[in-house]
Amino acid sequence: MTRSGGNNRRRAATWASVMGLLLIGGAAAVQPVSIARGAVSVDAHIRMLQSQIKPGQAAGHVALAQYLYQHAMYQRALTQVDAALAISPGNQNAVLLKSLIATAIKNGAVAHPTRHSSAGGKRSGGLLSTADIDQIRLAEWSDKEALPMRGVITERVKTLSAFWKKWIAPNPLYQQLGPTRQTYEQFLRLNNFSQQVKMILQVGDPKFTRMIVIRENPQVIQTYRTTVQPFVLQSCSTVGCHRGQDFHGFKLFGARSTPNLAQTYTNFYILSRYAYKGHKLIDRSNPYDSLLIQYLLPREIAAVSHPGKKKLSHRAFNESAVISWISSLAFPSPSYGIKYKLPVAGHGQH
């Protein structure tokens, strides 16, 4: 059961293999837009992009739509994408962007055009912020996901151009590949998002990682939300120890209803970070030793007994499935870059 050595799955690829991603062919890139130096307001930037739209050319509409999308102006972005598709129905960048916009409108997504801190965003009711959730999504994302990674890179062209200049262009491995303008343009493609994210994560520069916003939940979070969390809430919160104002130990949210997204991620974060007497609730190095497993087992067979005096309602659960889920989490445990004080109280009589 022990997991040892190795870096986060995200960093398993070598720089050489990641560099190979740059040579992947595809649709024509969205051309970089010239941005004036210094601070530019959103409205001024929109006017500048509008002025660069040329009759009969889709690229200008796509560039404006991308900027509007990044600033959560979804209906205006959709209008520009439709204009691009009217000119060029087969434009892959426009087709992909329209799909992202439609998903954002459907889910009521909120963009983060400016994130100076990975722990940014407003929190309420003791729950993690949207920016906190972004960090967890990014850290727990796996190369083995069934669905492609979807999201945005804040100030996309500016951020990617700066990343290229600082980390890719000077790299000896890239120089060996024979740098060309076409390679640079392929890297900037709108539909190259997952490859761009992989390369940024491979480098690990927080200046660039904090600009990534993931729109989808990783598979480990999906499994947690549908399989693990319901059972945990039924077992740990129905007796009243880990909910409400008079909670003991750690607190969980949304026990009396179906937890929303913020409650789900907050509960996941609490379970990931909580430890009692040196034992982790979720032990990624030794999943079976996780208190989450031990506490849910009947006392007569558990290696570590629940410290509370209230009798837990032990329900049959798929032990191997929970262990498999813990084993699928990013390892070693990511720091997430979140500053959040766990809602923890004394264990007392519970």
Protein backbone atom coordinates (compact mmCIF):
# COMPACT_ATOMS: atom_id res chain seq x y z
CA MET A 1 0.00 0.00 0.00
CA THR A 2 2.97 2.32 0.46
CA ARG A 3 3.62 4.92 -2.17
CA SER A 4 7.19 6.18 -2.24
CA GLY A 5 9.45 8.41 -4.30
CA GLY A 6 8.69 10.25 -7.49
CA ASN A 7 7.30 13.68 -8.16
CA ASN A 8 3.77 14.81 -8.85
CA ARG A 9 2.29 12.97 -11.87
CA ARG A 10 2.25 16.30 -13.68
CA ARG A 11 6.05 16.47 -13.65
CA ALA A 12 6.66 12.90 -14.79
CA ALA A 13 7.29 13.96 -18.40
CA THR A 14 10.79 15.14 -19.23
CA TRP A 15 11.47 18.52 -20.78
CA ALA A 16 12.34 16.70 -23.99
CA SER A 17 8.94 15.04 -24.32
CA VAL A 18 7.15 18.24 -23.40
CA MET A 19 9.13 20.12 -26.01
CA GLY A 20 7.90 17.59 -28.53
CA LEU A 21 4.40 18.96 -28.03
CA LEU A 22 5.50 22.11 -29.81
CA LEU A 23 5.90 20.24 -33.07
CA ILE A 24 2.31 19.05 -33.23
CA GLY A 25 0.63 20.37 -36.36
CA GLY A 26 -2.85 21.82 -36.45
CA ALA A 27 -5.02 24.73 -37.34
CA ALA A 28 -3.57 28.15 -37.97
CA ALA A 29 -2.73 29.97 -34.77
CA VAL A 30 -4.57 32.98 -33.48
CA GLN A 31 -2.08 35.71 -34.21
CA PRO A 32 -0.67 37.59 -31.20
CA VAL A 33 -2.34 40.95 -30.71
CA SER A 34 -0.14 43.96 -30.14
CA ILE A 35 -0.78 45.31 -26.63
CA ALA A 36 0.50 48.68 -25.55
CA ARG A 37 2.88 48.83 -22.61
CA GLY A 38 1.51 49.89 -19.26
CA ALA A 39 -1.89 49.48 -17.67
CA VAL A 40 -4.80 49.34 -20.09
CA SER A 41 -8.42 49.30 -18.95
CA VAL A 42 -10.70 46.50 -20.10
CA ASP A 43 -12.87 48.91 -22.10
CA ALA A 44 -9.82 50.46 -23.77
CA HIS A 45 -8.49 47.01 -24.65
CA ILE A 46 -11.83 46.02 -26.16
CA ARG A 47 -11.89 49.18 -28.28
CA MET A 48 -8.35 48.44 -29.45
CA LEU A 49 -9.28 44.89 -30.46
CA GLN A 50 -12.39 46.17 -32.23
CA SER A 51 -10.25 48.57 -34.25
CA GLN A 52 -8.07 45.67 -35.42
CA ILE A 53 -10.99 43.70 -36.89
CA LYS A 54 -10.70 43.63 -40.68
CA PRO A 55 -13.65 43.03 -43.01
CA GLY A 56 -13.84 39.47 -44.26
CA GLN A 57 -11.27 38.14 -41.74
CA ALA A 58 -12.27 35.92 -38.82
CA ALA A 59 -9.07 36.28 -36.75
CA GLY A 60 -9.95 39.70 -35.36
CA HIS A 61 -13.39 38.54 -34.20
CA VAL A 62 -11.83 35.47 -32.54
CA ALA A 63 -9.22 37.59 -30.73
CA LEU A 64 -11.93 39.91 -29.39
CA ALA A 65 -14.15 36.99 -28.43
CA GLN A 66 -11.28 35.41 -26.50
CA TYR A 67 -10.68 38.60 -24.54
CA LEU A 68 -14.39 39.01 -23.78
CA TYR A 69 -14.55 35.37 -22.69
CA GLN A 70 -11.63 35.83 -20.30
CA HIS A 71 -13.51 38.74 -18.71
CA ALA A 72 -16.78 36.79 -18.35
CA MET A 73 -18.59 38.84 -21.02
CA TYR A 74 -20.03 35.67 -22.48
CA GLN A 75 -22.91 37.01 -24.57
CA ARG A 76 -20.71 39.62 -26.23
CA ALA A 77 -18.06 36.94 -26.80
CA LEU A 78 -20.66 34.69 -28.39
CA THR A 79 -21.65 37.47 -30.82
CA GLN A 80 -18.03 37.83 -31.96
CA VAL A 81 -17.56 34.06 -32.34
CA ASP A 82 -20.69 33.84 -34.46
CA ALA A 83 -19.35 36.67 -36.61
CA ALA A 84 -16.10 34.73 -37.05
CA LEU A 85 -17.94 31.54 -37.99
CA ALA A 86 -20.10 33.43 -40.47
CA ILE A 87 -16.88 34.39 -42.26
CA SER A 88 -15.05 31.09 -41.76
CA PRO A 89 -17.40 28.22 -40.75
CA GLY A 90 -14.50 25.79 -40.37
CA ASN A 91 -12.37 27.99 -38.09
CA GLN A 92 -11.30 25.52 -35.37
CA ASN A 93 -10.38 28.23 -32.87
CA ALA A 94 -13.84 29.79 -33.20
CA VAL A 95 -15.58 26.41 -32.94
CA LEU A 96 -13.67 25.53 -29.76
CA LEU A 97 -14.20 28.96 -28.23
CA LYS A 98 -17.93 28.81 -28.92
CA SER A 99 -18.07 25.48 -27.08
CA LEU A 100 -16.25 26.99 -24.08
CA ILE A 101 -18.55 30.02 -24.05
CA ALA A 102 -21.65 27.83 -24.24
CA THR A 103 -20.38 25.75 -21.31
CA ALA A 104 -19.62 28.89 -19.29
CA ILE A 105 -23.09 30.29 -19.91
CA LYS A 106 -24.71 26.97 -19.01
CA ASN A 107 -22.72 26.59 -15.78
CA GLY A 108 -22.79 30.24 -14.78
CA ALA A 109 -18.99 30.21 -14.65
CA VAL A 110 -17.07 33.22 -13.36
CA ALA A 111 -13.79 34.24 -14.97
CA HIS A 112 -10.83 35.67 -13.11
CA PRO A 113 -9.29 38.27 -15.39
CA THR A 114 -6.84 39.41 -12.75
CA ARG A 115 -5.47 37.10 -10.09
CA HIS A 116 -2.46 38.47 -8.29
CA SER A 117 -2.57 35.74 -5.66
CA SER A 118 -3.38 32.06 -5.90
CA ALA A 119 -5.32 32.46 -2.66
CA GLY A 120 -7.32 35.37 -4.01
CA GLY A 121 -11.06 35.70 -4.30
CA LYS A 122 -13.68 36.30 -1.65
CA ARG A 123 -14.68 33.65 0.86
CA SER A 124 -17.99 33.48 2.67
CA GLY A 125 -19.44 31.21 5.30
CA GLY A 126 -16.12 29.53 5.96
CA LEU A 127 -16.01 28.13 2.43
CA LEU A 128 -13.17 28.21 -0.08
CA SER A 129 -13.28 30.88 -2.77
CA THR A 130 -13.53 30.26 -6.50
CA ALA A 131 -9.82 31.05 -6.84
CA ASP A 132 -9.05 28.44 -4.14
CA ILE A 133 -11.09 25.89 -6.09
CA ASP A 134 -9.10 26.71 -9.23
CA GLN A 135 -5.88 25.85 -7.40
CA ILE A 136 -7.20 22.48 -6.23
CA ARG A 137 -8.48 21.62 -9.70
CA LEU A 138 -5.13 22.41 -11.21
CA ALA A 139 -3.14 20.45 -8.62
CA GLU A 140 -5.35 17.34 -8.78
CA TRP A 141 -5.66 17.21 -12.57
CA SER A 142 -4.20 14.04 -14.07
CA ASP A 143 -2.84 13.23 -17.52
CA LYS A 144 -5.15 10.20 -17.43
CA GLU A 145 -8.38 12.24 -17.41
CA ALA A 146 -11.10 10.85 -19.67
CA LEU A 147 -12.09 14.34 -20.85
CA PRO A 148 -9.78 17.05 -22.21
CA MET A 149 -8.75 19.86 -19.90
CA ARG A 150 -10.87 22.97 -20.43
CA GLY A 151 -10.24 26.44 -19.09
CA VAL A 152 -8.53 29.72 -19.81
CA ILE A 153 -5.18 31.37 -19.30
CA THR A 154 -5.63 34.88 -17.98
CA GLU A 155 -4.36 37.50 -20.45
CA ARG A 156 -3.64 34.54 -22.69
CA VAL A 157 -1.43 35.95 -25.43
CA LYS A 158 0.52 38.21 -23.11
CA THR A 159 1.04 35.43 -20.55
CA LEU A 160 2.04 32.78 -23.09
CA SER A 161 4.36 35.15 -24.93
CA ALA A 162 6.12 36.00 -21.66
CA PHE A 163 6.35 32.31 -20.76
CA TRP A 164 7.82 31.50 -24.16
CA LYS A 165 10.40 34.25 -23.90
CA LYS A 166 11.47 33.32 -20.36
CA TRP A 167 11.37 29.52 -20.37
CA ILE A 168 11.10 28.00 -23.85
CA ALA A 169 13.13 30.09 -26.28
CA PRO A 170 16.35 29.97 -24.17
CA ASN A 171 16.05 26.23 -23.43
CA PRO A 172 18.80 24.14 -25.10
CA LEU A 173 16.34 21.32 -25.87
CA TYR A 174 14.15 23.72 -27.80
CA GLN A 175 17.17 25.06 -29.65
CA GLN A 176 17.98 21.51 -30.75
CA LEU A 177 14.51 21.19 -32.28
CA GLY A 178 15.21 24.07 -34.63
CA PRO A 179 13.11 27.05 -33.51
CA THR A 180 10.79 28.59 -36.08
CA ARG A 181 8.08 31.23 -36.08
CA GLN A 182 5.58 28.51 -36.96
CA THR A 183 6.44 26.57 -33.80
CA TYR A 184 5.83 29.67 -31.71
CA GLU A 185 2.50 30.28 -33.40
CA GLN A 186 1.45 26.66 -32.87
CA PHE A 187 2.23 27.04 -29.19
CA LEU A 188 -0.07 30.08 -28.99
CA ARG A 189 -3.04 28.31 -30.59
CA LEU A 190 -6.30 28.68 -28.71
CA ASN A 191 -7.00 24.93 -29.03
CA ASN A 192 -3.58 24.10 -27.57
CA PHE A 193 -4.73 24.80 -24.00
CA SER A 194 -3.89 21.46 -22.37
CA GLN A 195 -0.37 21.43 -23.87
CA GLN A 196 0.21 25.01 -22.75
CA VAL A 197 -0.86 24.12 -19.22
CA LYS A 198 1.35 21.02 -19.15
CA MET A 199 4.40 23.06 -20.10
CA ILE A 200 3.64 25.79 -17.55
CA LEU A 201 3.19 23.16 -14.83
CA GLN A 202 6.38 21.42 -15.90
CA VAL A 203 8.29 24.63 -15.22
CA GLY A 204 6.34 25.41 -12.05
CA ASP A 205 6.88 29.18 -12.12
CA PRO A 206 4.08 30.62 -9.90
CA LYS A 207 4.02 33.78 -12.02
CA PHE A 208 2.48 31.67 -14.78
CA THR A 209 0.73 28.84 -12.90
CA ARG A 210 -1.49 31.34 -11.08
CA MET A 211 -2.79 32.57 -14.45
CA ILE A 212 -4.39 29.18 -15.25
CA VAL A 213 -8.11 28.76 -14.61
CA ILE A 214 -9.52 25.22 -14.97
CA ARG A 215 -13.25 24.98 -15.74
CA GLU A 216 -13.76 21.25 -15.26
CA ASN A 217 -13.61 19.09 -12.14
CA PRO A 218 -10.84 16.46 -12.21
CA GLN A 219 -11.97 12.85 -12.11
CA VAL A 220 -10.81 12.45 -8.50
CA ILE A 221 -13.14 15.29 -7.48
CA GLN A 222 -16.00 13.83 -9.51
CA THR A 223 -15.53 10.49 -7.75
CA TYR A 224 -15.26 12.19 -4.38
CA ARG A 225 -18.43 14.20 -5.00
CA THR A 226 -20.55 11.27 -6.16
CA THR A 227 -19.16 8.37 -4.14
CA VAL A 228 -16.92 9.34 -1.21
CA GLN A 229 -18.48 12.53 0.15
CA PRO A 230 -22.07 11.23 0.45
CA PHE A 231 -20.92 8.30 2.55
CA VAL A 232 -18.64 10.47 4.72
CA LEU A 233 -21.46 12.94 5.41
CA GLN A 234 -23.89 10.15 6.20
CA SER A 235 -21.44 8.50 8.59
CA CYS A 236 -19.74 11.49 10.21
CA SER A 237 -22.27 14.31 10.18
CA THR A 238 -25.61 12.67 10.89
CA VAL A 239 -24.67 12.26 14.56
CA GLY A 240 -24.05 16.02 14.74
CA CYS A 241 -20.34 15.95 15.62
CA HIS A 242 -18.95 17.50 12.46
CA ARG A 243 -21.59 20.03 11.48
CA GLY A 244 -23.40 23.08 12.83
CA GLN A 245 -22.14 25.53 15.45
CA ASP A 246 -21.29 22.95 18.15
CA PHE A 247 -19.09 20.73 16.03
CA HIS A 248 -16.17 18.77 17.47
CA GLY A 249 -12.92 17.91 15.70
CA PHE A 250 -13.18 19.06 12.08
CA LYS A 251 -16.27 20.61 10.52
CA LEU A 252 -17.96 19.52 7.29
CA PHE A 253 -20.43 21.54 5.24
CA GLY A 254 -23.71 20.70 3.50
CA ALA A 255 -24.54 17.59 5.52
CA ARG A 256 -28.30 18.21 5.51
CA SER A 257 -28.55 18.72 1.76
CA THR A 258 -26.61 18.07 -1.43
CA PRO A 259 -23.37 20.08 -1.01
CA ASN A 260 -22.78 22.74 -3.64
CA LEU A 261 -19.45 23.17 -5.42
CA ALA A 262 -17.87 25.43 -2.77
CA GLN A 263 -18.99 23.11 0.04
CA THR A 264 -17.69 20.08 -1.84
CA TYR A 265 -14.23 21.53 -2.40
CA THR A 266 -14.05 22.89 1.15
CA ASN A 267 -14.92 19.47 2.56
CA PHE A 268 -12.35 17.85 0.29
CA TYR A 269 -9.69 20.33 1.40
CA ILE A 270 -10.50 19.80 5.09
CA LEU A 271 -10.33 16.01 4.73
CA SER A 272 -7.05 16.35 2.81
CA ARG A 273 -5.40 18.51 5.47
CA TYR A 274 -6.82 17.21 8.75
CA ALA A 275 -4.72 15.00 11.03
CA TYR A 276 -5.28 13.68 14.57
CA LYS A 277 -2.47 12.52 16.84
CA GLY A 278 -0.09 12.20 13.92
CA HIS A 279 -2.50 10.23 11.72
CA LYS A 280 -3.83 11.79 8.51
CA LEU A 281 -7.47 11.59 7.62
CA ILE A 282 -6.35 11.02 4.03
CA ASP A 283 -2.91 9.42 3.89
CA ARG A 284 -1.75 9.51 0.28
CA SER A 285 1.43 7.57 1.00
CA ASN A 286 -0.39 4.71 2.79
CA PRO A 287 -4.07 4.85 1.77
CA TYR A 288 -5.16 1.99 4.04
CA ASP A 289 -3.79 3.83 7.08
CA SER A 290 -6.02 6.84 6.36
CA LEU A 291 -8.27 7.69 9.28
CA LEU A 292 -11.03 8.07 6.69
CA ILE A 293 -10.79 4.28 6.25
CA GLN A 294 -10.12 3.36 9.85
CA TYR A 295 -12.89 5.52 11.33
CA LEU A 296 -15.45 4.01 9.00
CA LEU A 297 -14.56 0.45 9.96
CA PRO A 298 -16.24 -1.24 12.93
CA ARG A 299 -14.20 -0.66 16.10
CA GLU A 300 -13.44 -4.37 16.52
CA ILE A 301 -11.45 -4.49 13.27
CA ALA A 302 -10.15 -0.93 12.97
CA ALA A 303 -6.43 -0.34 13.59
CA VAL A 304 -7.28 3.15 14.91
CA SER A 305 -10.59 3.76 16.64
CA HIS A 306 -12.66 6.90 16.29
CA PRO A 307 -11.99 9.10 19.37
CA GLY A 308 -15.62 10.13 19.81
CA LYS A 309 -17.97 8.60 22.34
CA LYS A 310 -21.03 8.86 20.15
CA LYS A 311 -21.56 5.66 18.27
CA LEU A 312 -21.01 6.03 14.55
CA SER A 313 -23.54 4.54 12.20
CA HIS A 314 -21.28 2.05 10.41
CA ARG A 315 -22.68 1.38 6.97
CA ALA A 316 -21.31 -1.12 4.51
CA PHE A 317 -18.91 0.67 2.20
CA ASN A 318 -16.61 -0.35 -0.61
CA GLU A 319 -13.29 -0.20 1.21
CA SER A 320 -11.24 -1.05 -1.89
CA ALA A 321 -12.99 1.70 -3.90
CA VAL A 322 -12.14 4.33 -1.27
CA ILE A 323 -8.54 3.10 -1.09
CA SER A 324 -8.35 3.21 -4.89
CA TRP A 325 -9.69 6.78 -4.84
CA ILE A 326 -7.09 7.91 -2.29
CA SER A 327 -4.39 6.23 -4.40
CA SER A 328 -5.53 8.21 -7.44
CA LEU A 329 -4.98 11.58 -5.74
CA ALA A 330 -1.96 13.66 -6.71
CA PHE A 331 1.16 12.44 -4.87
CA PRO A 332 2.94 13.80 -2.96
CA SER A 333 0.17 15.91 -1.52
CA PRO A 334 0.14 19.33 -3.25
CA SER A 335 0.39 22.49 -1.18
CA TYR A 336 -2.31 24.16 -3.34
CA GLY A 337 -1.01 27.58 -2.26
CA ILE A 338 -4.17 28.20 -0.23
CA LYS A 339 -4.20 30.04 3.09
CA TYR A 340 -7.24 28.67 4.90
CA LYS A 341 -7.69 28.03 8.60
CA LEU A 342 -9.27 24.63 9.13
CA PRO A 343 -12.51 24.77 11.15
CA VAL A 344 -11.25 22.61 14.00
CA ALA A 345 -12.55 22.41 17.59
CA GLY A 346 -11.65 20.34 20.64
CA HIS A 347 -12.61 16.69 20.53
CA GLY A 348 -14.36 16.75 23.89
CA GLN A 349 -17.37 14.52 24.48
CA HIS A 350 -18.57 13.55 21.03
